[in-house]
Amino acid sequence: MSGTRPLDVLIVDDDDADAMMIEEALQGAATPPVVHRVSDGGQALEYLRREGGFPTANRPDLILLDLNMPRMGGREVLMEIKKDERFTAIPVVVLTTSNAVPDIVASYAGHASAFVTKPMDLDGFEEAVRQINRFYGAVATLP
């Protein structure tokens, strides 16, 4: 992906402060990604399917998915994404405050590309997001 165009990243997180920190960390990249954000799992599926208020949504190159959200949680969203052949190839990184073994196991069983526990300190949080962006933007080859 490097050298062609910026990543298109969809953030799925109901916490405004976390979403803002993720966006700020991403915007600090050498090639900042195009960032879109929805605040719950239902909106994420509408975004991907270009339904509701998202008729012109771009297909994201990467999804950063929180687990604990209202309406539809991250596990359910991950299951829906990975069972829809239009979206199965999109990498989904679970980025959450949880470090519970059942959440980790369920995320990988649901075909998450990675499970990252949000560091509690700001510098660690931003560095984790920058590393995810570097990997998917410059190291990994995406479909």
C-alpha atoms as a PDB file:
ATOM      1  CA  MET A   1       0.000   0.000   0.000  1.00  0.00           C
ATOM      2  CA  SER A   2       2.881   2.342   0.651  1.00  0.00           C
ATOM      3  CA  GLY A   3       3.445   4.963  -2.015  1.00  0.00           C
ATOM      4  CA  THR A   4       0.062   4.503  -3.678  1.00  0.00           C
ATOM      5  CA  ARG A   5      -2.546   6.292  -1.576  1.00  0.00           C
ATOM      6  CA  PRO A   6      -3.332   6.848   2.079  1.00  0.00           C
ATOM      7  CA  LEU A   7      -5.137   4.133   3.993  1.00  0.00           C
ATOM      8  CA  ASP A   8      -8.879   4.517   4.382  1.00  0.00           C
ATOM      9  CA  VAL A   9      -9.594   3.714   8.049  1.00  0.00           C
ATOM     10  CA  LEU A  10     -12.962   3.188   9.705  1.00  0.00           C
ATOM     11  CA  ILE A  11     -12.974   3.735  13.469  1.00  0.00           C
ATOM     12  CA  VAL A  12     -15.855   2.001  15.254  1.00  0.00           C
ATOM     13  CA  ASP A  13     -15.852   3.343  18.820  1.00  0.00           C
ATOM     14  CA  ASP A  14     -18.559   4.868  21.012  1.00  0.00           C
ATOM     15  CA  ASP A  15     -16.080   6.704  23.247  1.00  0.00           C
ATOM     16  CA  ASP A  16     -15.579  10.216  21.830  1.00  0.00           C
ATOM     17  CA  ALA A  17     -12.323  10.786  23.719  1.00  0.00           C
ATOM     18  CA  ASP A  18     -10.798   7.491  22.524  1.00  0.00           C
ATOM     19  CA  ALA A  19     -11.939   8.137  18.954  1.00  0.00           C
ATOM     20  CA  MET A  20     -10.398  11.618  19.046  1.00  0.00           C
ATOM     21  CA  MET A  21      -7.084  10.234  20.371  1.00  0.00           C
ATOM     22  CA  ILE A  22      -7.058   7.569  17.647  1.00  0.00           C
ATOM     23  CA  GLU A  23      -7.715  10.187  14.965  1.00  0.00           C
ATOM     24  CA  GLU A  24      -5.003  12.495  16.328  1.00  0.00           C
ATOM     25  CA  ALA A  25      -2.459   9.680  16.431  1.00  0.00           C
ATOM     26  CA  LEU A  26      -3.332   8.695  12.850  1.00  0.00           C
ATOM     27  CA  GLN A  27      -3.093  12.279  11.608  1.00  0.00           C
ATOM     28  CA  GLY A  28       0.477  12.447  12.928  1.00  0.00           C
ATOM     29  CA  ALA A  29       1.611   9.793  10.414  1.00  0.00           C
ATOM     30  CA  ALA A  30       3.946  10.614   7.531  1.00  0.00           C
ATOM     31  CA  THR A  31       1.060   9.744   5.205  1.00  0.00           C
ATOM     32  CA  PRO A  32      -2.046  10.342   7.292  1.00  0.00           C
ATOM     33  CA  PRO A  33      -4.915   7.997   6.495  1.00  0.00           C
ATOM     34  CA  VAL A  34      -8.388   9.092   5.490  1.00  0.00           C
ATOM     35  CA  VAL A  35     -10.366   8.535   8.684  1.00  0.00           C
ATOM     36  CA  HIS A  36     -14.082   7.893   9.121  1.00  0.00           C
ATOM     37  CA  ARG A  37     -15.769   7.224  12.440  1.00  0.00           C
ATOM     38  CA  VAL A  38     -19.014   5.650  13.541  1.00  0.00           C
ATOM     39  CA  SER A  39     -20.091   5.293  17.146  1.00  0.00           C
ATOM     40  CA  ASP A  40     -21.687   1.856  17.266  1.00  0.00           C
ATOM     41  CA  GLY A  41     -21.840  -1.508  15.562  1.00  0.00           C
ATOM     42  CA  GLY A  42     -25.119  -0.841  13.795  1.00  0.00           C
ATOM     43  CA  GLN A  43     -23.671   2.274  12.195  1.00  0.00           C
ATOM     44  CA  ALA A  44     -20.554   0.316  11.209  1.00  0.00           C
ATOM     45  CA  LEU A  45     -22.639  -2.165   9.251  1.00  0.00           C
ATOM     46  CA  GLU A  46     -24.675   0.632   7.673  1.00  0.00           C
ATOM     47  CA  TYR A  47     -21.410   2.327   6.678  1.00  0.00           C
ATOM     48  CA  LEU A  48     -19.983  -0.820   5.116  1.00  0.00           C
ATOM     49  CA  ARG A  49     -23.233  -1.608   3.306  1.00  0.00           C
ATOM     50  CA  ARG A  50     -23.700   2.031   2.214  1.00  0.00           C
ATOM     51  CA  GLU A  51     -27.066   2.188   3.957  1.00  0.00           C
ATOM     52  CA  GLY A  52     -28.733   4.825   6.126  1.00  0.00           C
ATOM     53  CA  GLY A  53     -26.702   8.011   6.187  1.00  0.00           C
ATOM     54  CA  PHE A  54     -23.740   6.477   4.347  1.00  0.00           C
ATOM     55  CA  PRO A  55     -24.751   6.061   0.665  1.00  0.00           C
ATOM     56  CA  THR A  56     -21.350   7.204  -0.629  1.00  0.00           C
ATOM     57  CA  ALA A  57     -19.097   5.593   1.992  1.00  0.00           C
ATOM     58  CA  ASN A  58     -15.720   4.333   0.813  1.00  0.00           C
ATOM     59  CA  ARG A  59     -14.784   0.731   1.463  1.00  0.00           C
ATOM     60  CA  PRO A  60     -12.225   0.964   4.260  1.00  0.00           C
ATOM     61  CA  ASP A  61      -8.777  -0.597   3.981  1.00  0.00           C
ATOM     62  CA  LEU A  62      -8.727  -1.153   7.752  1.00  0.00           C
ATOM     63  CA  ILE A  63     -11.297  -1.234  10.543  1.00  0.00           C
ATOM     64  CA  LEU A  64     -10.375  -0.324  14.134  1.00  0.00           C
ATOM     65  CA  LEU A  65     -13.108  -1.907  16.237  1.00  0.00           C
ATOM     66  CA  ASP A  66     -13.957  -1.381  19.887  1.00  0.00           C
ATOM     67  CA  LEU A  67     -15.653  -4.313  21.624  1.00  0.00           C
ATOM     68  CA  ASN A  68     -17.906  -2.682  24.206  1.00  0.00           C
ATOM     69  CA  MET A  69     -20.480  -0.497  22.475  1.00  0.00           C
ATOM     70  CA  PRO A  70     -24.218   0.107  22.755  1.00  0.00           C
ATOM     71  CA  ARG A  71     -26.773  -1.257  20.279  1.00  0.00           C
ATOM     72  CA  MET A  72     -24.411  -3.831  18.754  1.00  0.00           C
ATOM     73  CA  GLY A  73     -21.089  -4.767  20.330  1.00  0.00           C
ATOM     74  CA  GLY A  74     -17.806  -5.410  18.604  1.00  0.00           C
ATOM     75  CA  ARG A  75     -18.071  -9.216  18.696  1.00  0.00           C
ATOM     76  CA  GLU A  76     -21.348  -9.098  16.780  1.00  0.00           C
ATOM     77  CA  VAL A  77     -19.975  -6.559  14.307  1.00  0.00           C
ATOM     78  CA  LEU A  78     -16.905  -8.710  13.693  1.00  0.00           C
ATOM     79  CA  MET A  79     -19.113 -11.751  13.091  1.00  0.00           C
ATOM     80  CA  GLU A  80     -21.270  -9.827  10.597  1.00  0.00           C
ATOM     81  CA  ILE A  81     -18.255  -8.414   8.757  1.00  0.00           C
ATOM     82  CA  LYS A  82     -16.507 -11.747   8.433  1.00  0.00           C
ATOM     83  CA  LYS A  83     -19.573 -13.638   7.235  1.00  0.00           C
ATOM     84  CA  ASP A  84     -20.210 -11.150   4.405  1.00  0.00           C
ATOM     85  CA  GLU A  85     -17.995 -12.028   1.440  1.00  0.00           C
ATOM     86  CA  ARG A  86     -17.846  -8.350   0.402  1.00  0.00           C
ATOM     87  CA  PHE A  87     -15.986  -7.508   3.612  1.00  0.00           C
ATOM     88  CA  THR A  88     -14.119 -10.628   4.753  1.00  0.00           C
ATOM     89  CA  ALA A  89     -10.799  -9.427   3.338  1.00  0.00           C
ATOM     90  CA  ILE A  90     -10.862  -6.130   5.246  1.00  0.00           C
ATOM     91  CA  PRO A  91      -8.444  -6.352   8.184  1.00  0.00           C
ATOM     92  CA  VAL A  92     -10.193  -5.728  11.490  1.00  0.00           C
ATOM     93  CA  VAL A  93      -8.053  -4.747  14.456  1.00  0.00           C
ATOM     94  CA  VAL A  94      -9.897  -5.009  17.748  1.00  0.00           C
ATOM     95  CA  LEU A  95      -8.736  -1.960  19.710  1.00  0.00           C
ATOM     96  CA  THR A  96     -10.335  -2.086  23.146  1.00  0.00           C
ATOM     97  CA  THR A  97      -9.815  -1.498  26.844  1.00  0.00           C
ATOM     98  CA  SER A  98     -10.422  -5.192  27.518  1.00  0.00           C
ATOM     99  CA  ASN A  99      -7.602  -7.603  28.168  1.00  0.00           C
ATOM    100  CA  ALA A 100      -9.933 -10.446  29.158  1.00  0.00           C
ATOM    101  CA  VAL A 101      -8.897 -13.817  27.765  1.00  0.00           C
ATOM    102  CA  PRO A 102     -12.459 -14.653  26.569  1.00  0.00           C
ATOM    103  CA  ASP A 103     -12.523 -11.394  24.551  1.00  0.00           C
ATOM    104  CA  ILE A 104      -9.117 -12.130  23.023  1.00  0.00           C
ATOM    105  CA  VAL A 105     -10.040 -15.714  22.147  1.00  0.00           C
ATOM    106  CA  ALA A 106     -13.457 -14.722  20.754  1.00  0.00           C
ATOM    107  CA  SER A 107     -11.911 -11.953  18.635  1.00  0.00           C
ATOM    108  CA  TYR A 108      -9.378 -14.245  17.013  1.00  0.00           C
ATOM    109  CA  ALA A 109     -11.993 -16.987  16.639  1.00  0.00           C
ATOM    110  CA  GLY A 110     -14.092 -14.368  14.843  1.00  0.00           C
ATOM    111  CA  HIS A 111     -11.172 -13.756  12.462  1.00  0.00           C
ATOM    112  CA  ALA A 112      -9.904 -10.453  13.822  1.00  0.00           C
ATOM    113  CA  SER A 113      -6.557  -9.564  12.285  1.00  0.00           C
ATOM    114  CA  ALA A 114      -5.201  -8.417  15.647  1.00  0.00           C
ATOM    115  CA  PHE A 115      -6.289  -7.737  19.213  1.00  0.00           C
ATOM    116  CA  VAL A 116      -4.769  -4.642  20.845  1.00  0.00           C
ATOM    117  CA  THR A 117      -5.565  -3.554  24.383  1.00  0.00           C
ATOM    118  CA  LYS A 118      -5.703   0.245  24.562  1.00  0.00           C
ATOM    119  CA  PRO A 119      -2.844   1.400  26.753  1.00  0.00           C
ATOM    120  CA  MET A 120      -4.033   3.552  29.650  1.00  0.00           C
ATOM    121  CA  ASP A 121      -1.366   6.245  29.191  1.00  0.00           C
ATOM    122  CA  LEU A 122      -1.676   8.739  26.332  1.00  0.00           C
ATOM    123  CA  ASP A 123       1.805   8.165  24.901  1.00  0.00           C
ATOM    124  CA  GLY A 124       1.361   4.392  24.882  1.00  0.00           C
ATOM    125  CA  PHE A 125      -2.097   4.734  23.335  1.00  0.00           C
ATOM    126  CA  GLU A 126      -0.840   6.977  20.530  1.00  0.00           C
ATOM    127  CA  GLU A 127       2.167   4.747  19.878  1.00  0.00           C
ATOM    128  CA  ALA A 128      -0.030   1.649  19.608  1.00  0.00           C
ATOM    129  CA  VAL A 129      -2.241   3.410  17.047  1.00  0.00           C
ATOM    130  CA  ARG A 130       0.804   4.662  15.107  1.00  0.00           C
ATOM    131  CA  GLN A 131       2.225   1.130  14.986  1.00  0.00           C
ATOM    132  CA  ILE A 132      -1.055  -0.259  13.655  1.00  0.00           C
ATOM    133  CA  ASN A 133      -1.096   2.462  10.993  1.00  0.00           C
ATOM    134  CA  ARG A 134       2.565   1.859  10.064  1.00  0.00           C
ATOM    135  CA  PHE A 135       2.029  -1.861   9.736  1.00  0.00           C
ATOM    136  CA  TYR A 136      -1.103  -1.691   7.596  1.00  0.00           C
ATOM    137  CA  GLY A 137       0.016   1.418   5.693  1.00  0.00           C
ATOM    138  CA  ALA A 138       3.635   0.540   4.924  1.00  0.00           C
ATOM    139  CA  VAL A 139       4.406  -3.100   5.743  1.00  0.00           C
ATOM    140  CA  ALA A 140       1.333  -5.185   4.954  1.00  0.00           C
ATOM    141  CA  THR A 141       0.022  -5.696   1.440  1.00  0.00           C
ATOM    142  CA  LEU A 142      -3.723  -5.160   1.452  1.00  0.00           C
ATOM    143  CA  PRO A 143      -6.300  -6.421  -1.037  1.00  0.00           C
END
